[in-house]
Amino acid sequence: MSDWPAGQHLGSIYDALYLSLGEGASRAHRDAFVVRLHYASRAFGALALELREVQANASADTAPDALVYAVMANSLAEDDSGALALYALAMVVGPRLLVTLRDYLESEVNVTRRKILSHGSDQVVSEIRAVGTTVANEEPLDDPAWADAARAIVDTLDAAGMAESLGQRP
């Protein structure tokens, strides 16, 4: 068990993003989206490793956050271009993760942990911006079901009580 519940919580979210984006990248068919998904996966994997390094009792087998993993995996299953997964990352999961990071940062007094939380926030913002850059150069999708799938991602997190953030652990 971790001596830093916030770190364990964030680690499970980062692991879920690392796994789902990495697994999904090989199934996406738009080259630019494949590359962006791989880079995002690596970024969240690096954040998870950073957390493990500072937690005294961190377990290498921390379970990925089931809801975040499901949202991302389902977005990749719904749209094999990878666009829906990038939407989920940049417009739904990413902003909620930023709020979670901010909430943890507001109550954290340990200087090392504060730096890790700030670094996590910076990385999430970088990934959101990178997604924007990637999709700006691509042709828009012409699929009416896409909007329904995008709405379903938001509704899933809202129904789980995560309308604004991905929650906190005391």
C-alpha atoms as a PDB file:
ATOM      1  CA  MET A   1       0.000   0.000   0.000  1.00  0.00           C
ATOM      2  CA  SER A   2       1.264   3.441  -0.890  1.00  0.00           C
ATOM      3  CA  ASP A   3       2.101   6.024   1.749  1.00  0.00           C
ATOM      4  CA  TRP A   4       0.701   8.615  -0.674  1.00  0.00           C
ATOM      5  CA  PRO A   5      -2.911   7.795  -1.656  1.00  0.00           C
ATOM      6  CA  ALA A   6      -3.013  10.676  -4.144  1.00  0.00           C
ATOM      7  CA  GLY A   7       0.075   9.295  -5.861  1.00  0.00           C
ATOM      8  CA  GLN A   8      -1.453   5.831  -6.015  1.00  0.00           C
ATOM      9  CA  HIS A   9      -4.684   7.250  -7.445  1.00  0.00           C
ATOM     10  CA  LEU A  10      -2.859   9.267 -10.090  1.00  0.00           C
ATOM     11  CA  GLY A  11      -0.640   6.286 -10.864  1.00  0.00           C
ATOM     12  CA  SER A  12      -3.714   4.182 -11.593  1.00  0.00           C
ATOM     13  CA  ILE A  13      -5.038   6.867 -13.956  1.00  0.00           C
ATOM     14  CA  TYR A  14      -1.670   7.248 -15.688  1.00  0.00           C
ATOM     15  CA  ASP A  15      -1.397   3.453 -16.027  1.00  0.00           C
ATOM     16  CA  ALA A  16      -4.882   3.276 -17.555  1.00  0.00           C
ATOM     17  CA  LEU A  17      -3.950   5.924 -20.112  1.00  0.00           C
ATOM     18  CA  TYR A  18      -0.590   4.318 -20.840  1.00  0.00           C
ATOM     19  CA  LEU A  19      -2.140   0.896 -21.433  1.00  0.00           C
ATOM     20  CA  SER A  20      -5.243   1.918 -23.343  1.00  0.00           C
ATOM     21  CA  LEU A  21      -3.493   4.396 -25.634  1.00  0.00           C
ATOM     22  CA  GLY A  22      -0.608   2.031 -26.294  1.00  0.00           C
ATOM     23  CA  GLU A  23      -2.886  -0.901 -27.081  1.00  0.00           C
ATOM     24  CA  GLY A  24      -5.174   1.220 -29.213  1.00  0.00           C
ATOM     25  CA  ALA A  25      -2.483   2.909 -31.246  1.00  0.00           C
ATOM     26  CA  SER A  26      -1.721  -0.277 -33.140  1.00  0.00           C
ATOM     27  CA  ARG A  27      -5.384  -0.543 -34.176  1.00  0.00           C
ATOM     28  CA  ALA A  28      -5.875   3.029 -35.362  1.00  0.00           C
ATOM     29  CA  HIS A  29      -5.641   3.581 -39.097  1.00  0.00           C
ATOM     30  CA  ARG A  30      -4.833   7.277 -39.460  1.00  0.00           C
ATOM     31  CA  ASP A  31      -1.049   7.561 -39.391  1.00  0.00           C
ATOM     32  CA  ALA A  32      -0.905  10.902 -37.575  1.00  0.00           C
ATOM     33  CA  PHE A  33      -3.292   9.615 -34.931  1.00  0.00           C
ATOM     34  CA  VAL A  34      -1.291   6.402 -34.474  1.00  0.00           C
ATOM     35  CA  VAL A  35       1.840   8.441 -33.798  1.00  0.00           C
ATOM     36  CA  ARG A  36       0.033  10.810 -31.400  1.00  0.00           C
ATOM     37  CA  LEU A  37      -1.517   7.881 -29.504  1.00  0.00           C
ATOM     38  CA  HIS A  38       1.918   6.254 -29.125  1.00  0.00           C
ATOM     39  CA  TYR A  39       3.522   9.458 -27.895  1.00  0.00           C
ATOM     40  CA  ALA A  40       0.678  10.087 -25.442  1.00  0.00           C
ATOM     41  CA  SER A  41       0.959   6.525 -24.173  1.00  0.00           C
ATOM     42  CA  ARG A  42       4.682   6.972 -23.549  1.00  0.00           C
ATOM     43  CA  ALA A  43       4.104  10.291 -21.762  1.00  0.00           C
ATOM     44  CA  PHE A  44       1.592   8.795 -19.340  1.00  0.00           C
ATOM     45  CA  GLY A  45       3.779   5.744 -18.820  1.00  0.00           C
ATOM     46  CA  ALA A  46       6.637   8.045 -17.854  1.00  0.00           C
ATOM     47  CA  LEU A  47       4.393   9.865 -15.376  1.00  0.00           C
ATOM     48  CA  ALA A  48       3.379   6.548 -13.807  1.00  0.00           C
ATOM     49  CA  LEU A  49       7.023   5.553 -13.427  1.00  0.00           C
ATOM     50  CA  GLU A  50       7.869   8.905 -11.872  1.00  0.00           C
ATOM     51  CA  LEU A  51       5.206   8.333  -9.228  1.00  0.00           C
ATOM     52  CA  ARG A  52       6.425   4.819  -8.480  1.00  0.00           C
ATOM     53  CA  GLU A  53       9.956   6.104  -7.927  1.00  0.00           C
ATOM     54  CA  VAL A  54       8.921   8.481  -5.133  1.00  0.00           C
ATOM     55  CA  GLN A  55       6.453   6.277  -3.312  1.00  0.00           C
ATOM     56  CA  ALA A  56       8.121   4.289  -0.558  1.00  0.00           C
ATOM     57  CA  ASN A  57       5.710   1.361  -0.710  1.00  0.00           C
ATOM     58  CA  ALA A  58       4.473   1.676  -4.273  1.00  0.00           C
ATOM     59  CA  SER A  59       3.391  -1.508  -5.917  1.00  0.00           C
ATOM     60  CA  ALA A  60       4.488  -2.122  -9.481  1.00  0.00           C
ATOM     61  CA  ASP A  61       1.235  -3.969 -10.023  1.00  0.00           C
ATOM     62  CA  THR A  62      -1.121  -1.093  -9.174  1.00  0.00           C
ATOM     63  CA  ALA A  63      -4.324  -1.729 -11.066  1.00  0.00           C
ATOM     64  CA  PRO A  64      -5.090   0.747 -13.837  1.00  0.00           C
ATOM     65  CA  ASP A  65      -8.155   2.873 -13.176  1.00  0.00           C
ATOM     66  CA  ALA A  66     -10.966   0.728 -14.593  1.00  0.00           C
ATOM     67  CA  LEU A  67     -13.228   3.578 -15.677  1.00  0.00           C
ATOM     68  CA  VAL A  68     -10.513   5.589 -17.432  1.00  0.00           C
ATOM     69  CA  TYR A  69      -9.253   2.443 -19.135  1.00  0.00           C
ATOM     70  CA  ALA A  70     -12.788   1.509 -20.263  1.00  0.00           C
ATOM     71  CA  VAL A  71     -13.531   4.995 -21.600  1.00  0.00           C
ATOM     72  CA  MET A  72     -10.337   5.083 -23.617  1.00  0.00           C
ATOM     73  CA  ALA A  73     -10.570   1.470 -24.837  1.00  0.00           C
ATOM     74  CA  ASN A  74     -14.209   1.948 -25.844  1.00  0.00           C
ATOM     75  CA  SER A  75     -13.368   5.129 -27.739  1.00  0.00           C
ATOM     76  CA  LEU A  76     -10.807   3.181 -29.737  1.00  0.00           C
ATOM     77  CA  ALA A  77     -13.302   0.365 -30.350  1.00  0.00           C
ATOM     78  CA  GLU A  78     -15.966   2.825 -31.520  1.00  0.00           C
ATOM     79  CA  ASP A  79     -13.724   4.640 -33.991  1.00  0.00           C
ATOM     80  CA  ASP A  80     -10.822   2.840 -35.610  1.00  0.00           C
ATOM     81  CA  SER A  81      -9.333   6.060 -36.968  1.00  0.00           C
ATOM     82  CA  GLY A  82      -8.174   7.006 -33.461  1.00  0.00           C
ATOM     83  CA  ALA A  83      -9.905  10.392 -33.591  1.00  0.00           C
ATOM     84  CA  LEU A  84     -12.427   9.554 -30.883  1.00  0.00           C
ATOM     85  CA  ALA A  85      -9.660   8.425 -28.527  1.00  0.00           C
ATOM     86  CA  LEU A  86      -7.798  11.677 -29.106  1.00  0.00           C
ATOM     87  CA  TYR A  87     -11.035  13.585 -28.466  1.00  0.00           C
ATOM     88  CA  ALA A  88     -11.549  11.635 -25.235  1.00  0.00           C
ATOM     89  CA  LEU A  89      -8.002  12.390 -24.120  1.00  0.00           C
ATOM     90  CA  ALA A  90      -7.928  16.074 -25.030  1.00  0.00           C
ATOM     91  CA  MET A  91     -11.504  17.136 -24.339  1.00  0.00           C
ATOM     92  CA  VAL A  92     -12.868  14.807 -21.666  1.00  0.00           C
ATOM     93  CA  VAL A  93     -10.313  12.824 -19.642  1.00  0.00           C
ATOM     94  CA  GLY A  94      -7.433  15.315 -19.863  1.00  0.00           C
ATOM     95  CA  PRO A  95      -9.330  18.318 -18.486  1.00  0.00           C
ATOM     96  CA  ARG A  96     -10.806  16.233 -15.671  1.00  0.00           C
ATOM     97  CA  LEU A  97      -7.324  14.938 -14.855  1.00  0.00           C
ATOM     98  CA  LEU A  98      -6.076  18.528 -14.692  1.00  0.00           C
ATOM     99  CA  VAL A  99      -8.752  19.361 -12.123  1.00  0.00           C
ATOM    100  CA  THR A 100      -7.787  16.310 -10.075  1.00  0.00           C
ATOM    101  CA  LEU A 101      -4.131  17.327 -10.195  1.00  0.00           C
ATOM    102  CA  ARG A 102      -5.017  20.881  -9.179  1.00  0.00           C
ATOM    103  CA  ASP A 103      -7.148  19.645  -6.283  1.00  0.00           C
ATOM    104  CA  TYR A 104      -4.329  17.449  -5.007  1.00  0.00           C
ATOM    105  CA  LEU A 105      -1.827  20.285  -5.455  1.00  0.00           C
ATOM    106  CA  GLU A 106      -3.944  22.662  -3.365  1.00  0.00           C
ATOM    107  CA  SER A 107      -3.726  20.400  -0.333  1.00  0.00           C
ATOM    108  CA  GLU A 108      -0.205  18.966  -0.768  1.00  0.00           C
ATOM    109  CA  VAL A 109       2.527  20.413   1.455  1.00  0.00           C
ATOM    110  CA  ASN A 110       5.423  18.089   0.538  1.00  0.00           C
ATOM    111  CA  VAL A 111       7.714  19.965  -1.878  1.00  0.00           C
ATOM    112  CA  THR A 112       8.726  16.864  -3.856  1.00  0.00           C
ATOM    113  CA  ARG A 113       5.133  15.771  -4.293  1.00  0.00           C
ATOM    114  CA  ARG A 114       4.095  19.274  -5.335  1.00  0.00           C
ATOM    115  CA  LYS A 115       6.760  19.198  -8.053  1.00  0.00           C
ATOM    116  CA  ILE A 116       5.464  15.831  -9.272  1.00  0.00           C
ATOM    117  CA  LEU A 117       1.883  17.123  -9.344  1.00  0.00           C
ATOM    118  CA  SER A 118       2.973  20.243 -11.234  1.00  0.00           C
ATOM    119  CA  HIS A 119       4.961  18.150 -13.688  1.00  0.00           C
ATOM    120  CA  GLY A 120       1.892  15.955 -14.229  1.00  0.00           C
ATOM    121  CA  SER A 121      -0.222  19.025 -14.945  1.00  0.00           C
ATOM    122  CA  ASP A 122       2.338  20.375 -17.384  1.00  0.00           C
ATOM    123  CA  GLN A 123       2.475  17.040 -19.190  1.00  0.00           C
ATOM    124  CA  VAL A 124      -1.311  16.770 -19.467  1.00  0.00           C
ATOM    125  CA  VAL A 125      -1.472  20.278 -20.939  1.00  0.00           C
ATOM    126  CA  SER A 126       1.311  19.358 -23.384  1.00  0.00           C
ATOM    127  CA  GLU A 127      -0.609  16.268 -24.493  1.00  0.00           C
ATOM    128  CA  ILE A 128      -3.822  18.244 -24.962  1.00  0.00           C
ATOM    129  CA  ARG A 129      -1.977  20.816 -27.073  1.00  0.00           C
ATOM    130  CA  ALA A 130      -0.237  18.082 -29.092  1.00  0.00           C
ATOM    131  CA  VAL A 131      -3.587  16.492 -29.888  1.00  0.00           C
ATOM    132  CA  GLY A 132      -4.847  19.874 -31.103  1.00  0.00           C
ATOM    133  CA  THR A 133      -1.829  20.283 -33.350  1.00  0.00           C
ATOM    134  CA  THR A 134      -2.256  16.776 -34.738  1.00  0.00           C
ATOM    135  CA  VAL A 135      -5.953  16.993 -35.538  1.00  0.00           C
ATOM    136  CA  ALA A 136      -5.648  20.492 -37.007  1.00  0.00           C
ATOM    137  CA  ASN A 137      -3.787  19.030 -39.973  1.00  0.00           C
ATOM    138  CA  GLU A 138      -6.257  16.200 -40.648  1.00  0.00           C
ATOM    139  CA  GLU A 139      -9.443  16.035 -42.680  1.00  0.00           C
ATOM    140  CA  PRO A 140     -12.565  16.086 -40.500  1.00  0.00           C
ATOM    141  CA  LEU A 141     -14.460  12.841 -40.064  1.00  0.00           C
ATOM    142  CA  ASP A 142     -17.807  12.587 -41.794  1.00  0.00           C
ATOM    143  CA  ASP A 143     -19.618  10.182 -39.489  1.00  0.00           C
ATOM    144  CA  PRO A 144     -22.896  11.154 -37.806  1.00  0.00           C
ATOM    145  CA  ALA A 145     -22.492   8.414 -35.175  1.00  0.00           C
ATOM    146  CA  TRP A 146     -19.272  10.053 -34.019  1.00  0.00           C
ATOM    147  CA  ALA A 147     -21.097  12.841 -32.153  1.00  0.00           C
ATOM    148  CA  ASP A 148     -23.213  10.286 -30.296  1.00  0.00           C
ATOM    149  CA  ALA A 149     -20.108   8.307 -29.335  1.00  0.00           C
ATOM    150  CA  ALA A 150     -18.388  11.489 -28.144  1.00  0.00           C
ATOM    151  CA  ARG A 151     -21.434  12.410 -26.044  1.00  0.00           C
ATOM    152  CA  ALA A 152     -21.498   8.899 -24.568  1.00  0.00           C
ATOM    153  CA  ILE A 153     -17.945   9.367 -23.264  1.00  0.00           C
ATOM    154  CA  VAL A 154     -18.980  12.507 -21.403  1.00  0.00           C
ATOM    155  CA  ASP A 155     -22.164  10.863 -20.117  1.00  0.00           C
ATOM    156  CA  THR A 156     -20.228   7.839 -18.822  1.00  0.00           C
ATOM    157  CA  LEU A 157     -17.916   9.968 -16.703  1.00  0.00           C
ATOM    158  CA  ASP A 158     -20.744  12.252 -15.582  1.00  0.00           C
ATOM    159  CA  ALA A 159     -22.812   9.234 -14.463  1.00  0.00           C
ATOM    160  CA  ALA A 160     -19.838   7.972 -12.450  1.00  0.00           C
ATOM    161  CA  GLY A 161     -19.704  11.267 -10.546  1.00  0.00           C
ATOM    162  CA  MET A 162     -16.768  12.567 -12.545  1.00  0.00           C
ATOM    163  CA  ALA A 163     -18.342  15.520 -14.295  1.00  0.00           C
ATOM    164  CA  GLU A 164     -15.515  17.851 -13.298  1.00  0.00           C
ATOM    165  CA  SER A 165     -12.625  15.699 -12.139  1.00  0.00           C
ATOM    166  CA  LEU A 166     -11.458  12.109 -11.863  1.00  0.00           C
ATOM    167  CA  GLY A 167     -11.968  12.196  -8.120  1.00  0.00           C
ATOM    168  CA  GLN A 168      -9.629  12.244  -5.154  1.00  0.00           C
ATOM    169  CA  ARG A 169      -8.389   9.874  -2.495  1.00  0.00           C
ATOM    170  CA  PRO A 170      -7.743  11.233   0.992  1.00  0.00           C
END
